[in-house]
Amino acid sequence: MTATTTELPVLTPLRKEASLKKRPRRNEVAIRGALFVCAAISIGTTLAILYTLLSEAVHFFTAPGVTLAEFFFTTTWAPEFEAYGILPLVTATFITSVIAVTVALPVGLAAAIYLSEYASPRARGMLKPILELLVGVPTVVFGYFALTFVTPVIRQIFGEDNVQFYNMASAGLVLGFAVLPIISSMGEDALNAVPRALREASLGLGATKLETSLKIVVPAALSGIAAAVIVGVSRAMGETMIVLLSAGAGPNFTFNPFQSAETMTGHIARISTGDLSYESMDYISLFAIGLMLFLMTLGLNLISRWFVRRFREVY
């Protein structure tokens, strides 16, 4: 009887301990450098725009006869006749933006809730690209749509004597549909960020799908929805062609949306297309309007950031 022996494994010498030193990653460094360059270009462009607005606006506010009190608190804007009250342009911009958000917020939020909570993956894949097609429609088409379709409908409903042919109501309504994709897309992203566990807990306690969506998901995504609304307002305030074609072509201090009035962007576009001499009052007044619009948009963005930080839910 032969005894069997088990062979022991041959021990190999230990390899040299791997170095824990940071090794260079050239691809990552290149990508990080490219991202830094893009961010620097964005910030530099913004600062350059602000410098241009400030440098030219200073000439306007230091011109003879121009005072801050007249600029902010008077109701006549006619720089060629030494009237520098910006309130007519601000009120028209505010009214059209409010009408736009009044239209876009409920429709966009309802679309976001449907796409996020109710639609099947197949339906979402079909409906979301169709909704986002509105982004690709040229705003000049929206403007003519407001002028040739929405305005006649409004005049038939409320009477031709009560609604002027150029009016802020039709411009605001169509502007709302231009803003709609922004609110719906950002709102859907905010709703999708809510953890699924909250939905399952609500449904497990006996809540319906609608109650879960409106009482659990929407409040949890409130900060993101508010940010979407403020971004939509900023987009509405900066729109040009829709209000230029359908709102009116002259400053008018009124709060009646059925009357003609000119917004800040519409006035800039209309005056810029004429023959303006360099450093004339009409020319430098455009930079004062642009600076005012820039500050209004900046204020909305700061409010958005504060709102997001204040009401953001961390899960």
Protein backbone atom coordinates (compact mmCIF):
# COMPACT_ATOMS: atom_id res chain seq x y z
CA MET A 1 0.00 0.00 0.00
CA THR A 2 1.47 3.23 -1.10
CA ALA A 3 1.04 6.41 0.89
CA THR A 4 -0.29 9.42 -0.94
CA THR A 5 1.27 12.73 -0.31
CA THR A 6 -0.30 16.11 -0.90
CA GLU A 7 1.76 18.63 -2.67
CA LEU A 8 2.07 21.97 -0.96
CA PRO A 9 1.59 25.07 -3.11
CA VAL A 10 4.72 26.76 -4.14
CA LEU A 11 4.99 30.12 -2.47
CA THR A 12 5.91 32.89 -4.80
CA PRO A 13 7.80 35.89 -3.55
CA LEU A 14 5.64 38.87 -2.71
CA ARG A 15 5.56 41.54 -5.33
CA LYS A 16 6.65 44.97 -4.51
CA GLU A 17 3.96 46.84 -2.61
CA ALA A 18 1.85 49.01 -4.91
CA SER A 19 2.54 52.70 -4.62
CA LEU A 20 -0.22 54.80 -3.08
CA LYS A 21 1.05 58.00 -4.59
CA LYS A 22 -1.34 60.03 -6.75
CA ARG A 23 -0.80 59.14 -10.37
CA PRO A 24 -1.38 61.72 -13.09
CA ARG A 25 -4.58 61.28 -15.09
CA ARG A 26 -4.06 63.24 -18.22
CA ASN A 27 -7.57 62.75 -19.62
CA GLU A 28 -9.19 63.93 -16.42
CA VAL A 29 -6.91 66.95 -16.23
CA ALA A 30 -7.74 67.85 -19.84
CA ILE A 31 -11.49 67.54 -19.25
CA ARG A 32 -11.27 69.58 -16.06
CA GLY A 33 -9.31 72.25 -17.90
CA ALA A 34 -11.87 72.35 -20.72
CA LEU A 35 -14.72 72.70 -18.22
CA PHE A 36 -12.87 75.51 -16.47
CA VAL A 37 -12.34 77.31 -19.78
CA CYS A 38 -16.05 77.02 -20.64
CA ALA A 39 -17.06 78.33 -17.23
CA ALA A 40 -14.57 81.19 -17.50
CA ILE A 41 -15.91 82.10 -20.96
CA SER A 42 -19.50 82.14 -19.63
CA ILE A 43 -18.60 84.31 -16.65
CA GLY A 44 -16.41 86.56 -18.78
CA THR A 45 -19.17 87.06 -21.33
CA THR A 46 -21.64 87.98 -18.60
CA LEU A 47 -19.18 90.46 -17.09
CA ALA A 48 -18.48 91.94 -20.52
CA ILE A 49 -22.20 92.43 -21.15
CA LEU A 50 -22.61 94.04 -17.74
CA TYR A 51 -19.64 96.32 -18.38
CA THR A 52 -21.10 97.41 -21.72
CA LEU A 53 -24.47 98.16 -20.16
CA LEU A 54 -22.95 100.06 -17.24
CA SER A 55 -20.48 102.07 -19.32
CA GLU A 56 -23.21 103.29 -21.68
CA ALA A 57 -25.90 103.68 -19.01
CA VAL A 58 -23.62 105.98 -17.05
CA HIS A 59 -23.71 108.43 -19.96
CA PHE A 60 -27.50 108.35 -19.85
CA PHE A 61 -27.88 108.92 -16.11
CA THR A 62 -25.27 111.70 -16.12
CA ALA A 63 -26.88 113.52 -19.05
CA PRO A 64 -28.48 116.92 -18.33
CA GLY A 65 -32.10 116.63 -17.23
CA VAL A 66 -31.98 112.93 -16.31
CA THR A 67 -32.66 112.06 -12.67
CA LEU A 68 -33.23 108.75 -10.95
CA ALA A 69 -36.52 110.01 -9.50
CA GLU A 70 -37.84 110.81 -12.98
CA PHE A 71 -36.51 107.54 -14.38
CA PHE A 72 -38.21 105.31 -11.80
CA PHE A 73 -41.36 107.23 -10.88
CA THR A 74 -42.69 109.11 -13.93
CA THR A 75 -45.00 107.67 -16.56
CA THR A 76 -43.81 109.16 -19.84
CA TRP A 77 -41.01 107.66 -21.89
CA ALA A 78 -39.87 109.83 -24.78
CA PRO A 79 -36.11 110.54 -24.64
CA GLU A 80 -36.29 112.66 -27.80
CA PHE A 81 -38.62 115.03 -25.91
CA GLU A 82 -36.67 114.86 -22.63
CA ALA A 83 -39.16 112.55 -20.88
CA TYR A 84 -37.38 109.68 -19.15
CA GLY A 85 -39.98 107.77 -17.15
CA ILE A 86 -39.49 104.02 -17.60
CA LEU A 87 -42.68 102.95 -15.80
CA PRO A 88 -44.74 102.42 -19.02
CA LEU A 89 -42.19 99.92 -20.31
CA VAL A 90 -41.86 98.18 -16.95
CA THR A 91 -45.62 97.80 -16.43
CA ALA A 92 -46.12 96.37 -19.93
CA THR A 93 -43.30 93.89 -19.36
CA PHE A 94 -44.76 92.93 -15.99
CA ILE A 95 -48.32 92.47 -17.31
CA THR A 96 -47.34 90.29 -20.28
CA SER A 97 -45.06 88.18 -18.06
CA VAL A 98 -47.80 87.68 -15.44
CA ILE A 99 -50.29 86.62 -18.13
CA ALA A 100 -47.71 84.24 -19.60
CA VAL A 101 -47.01 82.58 -16.25
CA THR A 102 -50.74 82.42 -15.45
CA VAL A 103 -51.17 80.37 -18.62
CA ALA A 104 -47.96 78.33 -18.46
CA LEU A 105 -47.94 77.41 -14.77
CA PRO A 106 -51.15 75.32 -14.51
CA VAL A 107 -50.75 73.77 -17.96
CA GLY A 108 -47.04 73.09 -17.54
CA LEU A 109 -47.43 71.72 -14.01
CA ALA A 110 -50.31 69.47 -15.09
CA ALA A 111 -48.21 68.19 -18.00
CA ALA A 112 -45.27 67.57 -15.66
CA ILE A 113 -47.46 65.65 -13.19
CA TYR A 114 -48.94 63.53 -15.95
CA LEU A 115 -45.58 62.72 -17.52
CA SER A 116 -43.98 61.98 -14.15
CA GLU A 117 -46.77 60.13 -12.33
CA TYR A 118 -49.29 58.76 -14.82
CA ALA A 119 -47.77 58.30 -18.27
CA SER A 120 -46.33 54.97 -19.28
CA PRO A 121 -42.74 54.92 -20.56
CA ARG A 122 -44.03 54.59 -24.11
CA ALA A 123 -46.46 57.49 -23.75
CA ARG A 124 -43.78 59.61 -22.07
CA GLY A 125 -41.36 58.89 -24.88
CA MET A 126 -43.93 60.06 -27.43
CA LEU A 127 -45.47 63.05 -25.64
CA LYS A 128 -42.39 64.72 -24.17
CA PRO A 129 -40.64 65.29 -27.54
CA ILE A 130 -43.92 66.66 -28.95
CA LEU A 131 -44.18 69.09 -26.04
CA GLU A 132 -40.59 70.17 -26.41
CA LEU A 133 -41.15 70.91 -30.11
CA LEU A 134 -42.53 74.26 -28.95
CA VAL A 135 -38.96 75.25 -28.08
CA GLY A 136 -37.97 74.91 -31.73
CA VAL A 137 -40.76 77.11 -33.07
CA PRO A 138 -39.35 80.53 -34.03
CA THR A 139 -40.71 83.25 -31.81
CA VAL A 140 -41.59 85.34 -34.86
CA VAL A 141 -44.08 82.58 -35.75
CA PHE A 142 -45.56 82.85 -32.26
CA GLY A 143 -45.84 86.60 -32.76
CA TYR A 144 -47.78 86.31 -36.01
CA PHE A 145 -49.91 83.56 -34.46
CA ALA A 146 -50.86 85.97 -31.67
CA LEU A 147 -51.56 88.74 -34.16
CA THR A 148 -53.58 86.79 -36.73
CA PHE A 149 -55.35 84.15 -34.60
CA VAL A 150 -55.41 84.94 -30.87
CA THR A 151 -56.20 88.66 -31.21
CA PRO A 152 -59.28 88.15 -33.47
CA VAL A 153 -60.59 85.49 -31.04
CA ILE A 154 -60.16 87.81 -28.04
CA ARG A 155 -61.84 90.67 -29.91
CA GLN A 156 -64.81 88.46 -30.79
CA ILE A 157 -65.19 87.38 -27.16
CA PHE A 158 -64.77 90.74 -25.42
CA GLY A 159 -65.82 93.07 -28.24
CA GLU A 160 -63.81 94.98 -30.79
CA ASP A 161 -64.51 98.25 -28.98
CA ASN A 162 -62.95 96.93 -25.77
CA VAL A 163 -59.89 95.18 -27.24
CA GLN A 164 -57.38 97.01 -29.39
CA PHE A 165 -55.84 95.24 -32.36
CA TYR A 166 -52.42 95.34 -30.68
CA ASN A 167 -52.85 94.36 -27.04
CA MET A 168 -50.94 92.83 -24.15
CA ALA A 169 -53.45 90.03 -23.55
CA SER A 170 -52.82 88.19 -26.80
CA ALA A 171 -49.06 88.68 -26.46
CA GLY A 172 -49.13 87.30 -22.90
CA LEU A 173 -51.26 84.29 -23.84
CA VAL A 174 -48.99 83.23 -26.69
CA LEU A 175 -45.93 84.03 -24.60
CA GLY A 176 -47.27 81.54 -22.05
CA PHE A 177 -47.16 78.75 -24.64
CA ALA A 178 -43.59 79.73 -25.51
CA VAL A 179 -42.64 79.44 -21.82
CA LEU A 180 -44.64 76.23 -21.31
CA PRO A 181 -41.85 73.74 -22.26
CA ILE A 182 -39.46 75.28 -19.73
CA ILE A 183 -41.88 74.95 -16.82
CA SER A 184 -43.06 71.47 -17.79
CA SER A 185 -39.54 70.10 -18.35
CA MET A 186 -38.02 71.56 -15.19
CA GLY A 187 -41.14 70.66 -13.21
CA GLU A 188 -40.95 67.05 -14.37
CA ASP A 189 -37.29 66.86 -13.36
CA ALA A 190 -38.19 68.18 -9.92
CA LEU A 191 -41.01 65.63 -9.54
CA ASN A 192 -38.79 62.75 -10.68
CA ALA A 193 -36.23 63.73 -8.04
CA VAL A 194 -38.72 62.92 -5.26
CA PRO A 195 -37.85 59.46 -3.82
CA ARG A 196 -40.16 56.64 -4.85
CA ALA A 197 -40.37 55.54 -1.21
CA LEU A 198 -42.58 58.55 -0.44
CA ARG A 199 -45.01 57.54 -3.16
CA GLU A 200 -45.10 53.92 -2.00
CA ALA A 201 -45.61 54.95 1.62
CA SER A 202 -48.52 57.19 0.67
CA LEU A 203 -50.14 54.53 -1.49
CA GLY A 204 -49.58 51.96 1.25
CA LEU A 205 -51.50 54.12 3.72
CA GLY A 206 -54.51 54.15 1.41
CA ALA A 207 -54.06 57.41 -0.52
CA THR A 208 -55.14 57.53 -4.12
CA LYS A 209 -52.80 58.26 -7.01
CA LEU A 210 -54.12 61.82 -7.30
CA GLU A 211 -53.81 62.47 -3.56
CA THR A 212 -50.27 61.16 -3.59
CA SER A 213 -49.35 63.35 -6.54
CA LEU A 214 -50.88 66.57 -5.19
CA LYS A 215 -50.30 66.19 -1.44
CA ILE A 216 -47.00 64.32 -1.31
CA VAL A 217 -45.01 64.61 -4.53
CA VAL A 218 -45.77 68.23 -5.47
CA PRO A 219 -45.02 69.68 -1.98
CA ALA A 220 -41.80 67.65 -1.84
CA ALA A 221 -40.74 69.12 -5.20
CA LEU A 222 -41.89 72.66 -4.36
CA SER A 223 -38.44 74.23 -4.51
CA GLY A 224 -37.74 72.83 -7.98
CA ILE A 225 -41.18 73.88 -9.25
CA ALA A 226 -40.68 77.39 -7.88
CA ALA A 227 -37.30 77.59 -9.61
CA ALA A 228 -38.96 76.51 -12.87
CA VAL A 229 -41.58 79.24 -12.51
CA ILE A 230 -39.00 81.95 -11.87
CA VAL A 231 -36.91 80.78 -14.83
CA GLY A 232 -40.09 80.92 -16.91
CA VAL A 233 -40.78 84.48 -15.76
CA SER A 234 -37.23 85.48 -16.67
CA ARG A 235 -37.69 83.90 -20.08
CA ALA A 236 -40.98 85.75 -20.57
CA MET A 237 -39.43 89.08 -19.57
CA GLY A 238 -36.60 88.63 -22.06
CA GLU A 239 -38.78 87.63 -25.02
CA THR A 240 -38.72 90.09 -27.92
CA MET A 241 -40.42 89.08 -31.15
CA ILE A 242 -43.78 87.98 -29.70
CA VAL A 243 -44.35 91.24 -27.84
CA LEU A 244 -42.84 93.30 -30.65
CA LEU A 245 -45.34 91.98 -33.19
CA SER A 246 -48.48 91.72 -31.07
CA ALA A 247 -48.30 93.88 -27.92
CA GLY A 248 -47.86 97.32 -29.43
CA ALA A 249 -45.35 99.78 -30.78
CA GLY A 250 -45.46 102.68 -28.35
CA PRO A 251 -45.01 103.19 -24.59
CA ASN A 252 -48.36 103.37 -22.81
CA PHE A 253 -48.79 103.49 -19.05
CA THR A 254 -51.84 101.30 -18.50
CA PHE A 255 -52.87 98.26 -16.52
CA ASN A 256 -55.57 97.25 -19.00
CA PRO A 257 -54.29 94.12 -20.81
CA PHE A 258 -56.64 94.78 -23.73
CA GLN A 259 -54.80 97.97 -24.65
CA SER A 260 -51.68 98.43 -26.69
CA ALA A 261 -48.42 98.90 -24.80
CA GLU A 262 -44.73 98.38 -25.50
CA THR A 263 -42.47 96.21 -23.38
CA MET A 264 -38.84 96.88 -22.62
CA THR A 265 -37.51 94.33 -25.09
CA GLY A 266 -40.01 95.39 -27.74
CA HIS A 267 -38.94 99.01 -27.41
CA ILE A 268 -35.26 98.12 -27.67
CA ALA A 269 -35.88 96.08 -30.82
CA ARG A 270 -38.07 98.74 -32.44
CA ILE A 271 -35.75 101.66 -31.73
CA SER A 272 -32.63 99.73 -32.69
CA THR A 273 -33.94 99.11 -36.19
CA GLY A 274 -34.14 102.84 -36.91
CA ASP A 275 -31.42 105.32 -37.80
CA LEU A 276 -29.84 106.22 -34.48
CA SER A 277 -26.83 108.45 -34.19
CA TYR A 278 -24.11 107.26 -31.86
CA GLU A 279 -24.34 108.70 -28.32
CA SER A 280 -27.71 110.33 -28.97
CA MET A 281 -30.24 110.19 -26.12
CA ASP A 282 -32.29 107.58 -27.93
CA TYR A 283 -29.17 105.45 -28.38
CA ILE A 284 -27.84 105.57 -24.82
CA SER A 285 -31.34 105.21 -23.36
CA LEU A 286 -31.46 101.70 -24.80
CA PHE A 287 -28.57 100.69 -22.53
CA ALA A 288 -30.40 102.11 -19.52
CA ILE A 289 -33.42 99.96 -20.41
CA GLY A 290 -31.16 96.94 -20.93
CA LEU A 291 -29.51 97.52 -17.55
CA MET A 292 -32.92 97.75 -15.90
CA LEU A 293 -34.00 94.48 -17.52
CA PHE A 294 -30.70 92.86 -16.50
CA LEU A 295 -31.21 93.89 -12.87
CA MET A 296 -34.81 92.63 -12.86
CA THR A 297 -33.73 89.26 -14.23
CA LEU A 298 -30.83 89.10 -11.77
CA GLY A 299 -33.23 89.79 -8.92
CA LEU A 300 -35.50 86.96 -10.03
CA ASN A 301 -32.55 84.56 -10.21
CA LEU A 302 -31.43 85.53 -6.72
CA ILE A 303 -34.95 84.96 -5.42
CA SER A 304 -34.97 81.57 -7.14
CA ARG A 305 -31.69 80.54 -5.51
CA TRP A 306 -32.91 81.67 -2.08
CA PHE A 307 -36.19 79.82 -2.51
CA VAL A 308 -34.43 76.63 -3.56
CA ARG A 309 -32.07 76.77 -0.57
CA ARG A 310 -34.91 77.63 1.83
CA PHE A 311 -37.42 74.97 0.83
CA ARG A 312 -35.26 72.24 -0.68
CA GLU A 313 -35.91 68.82 0.79
CA VAL A 314 -32.86 66.60 1.35
CA TYR A 315 -33.55 62.86 1.39
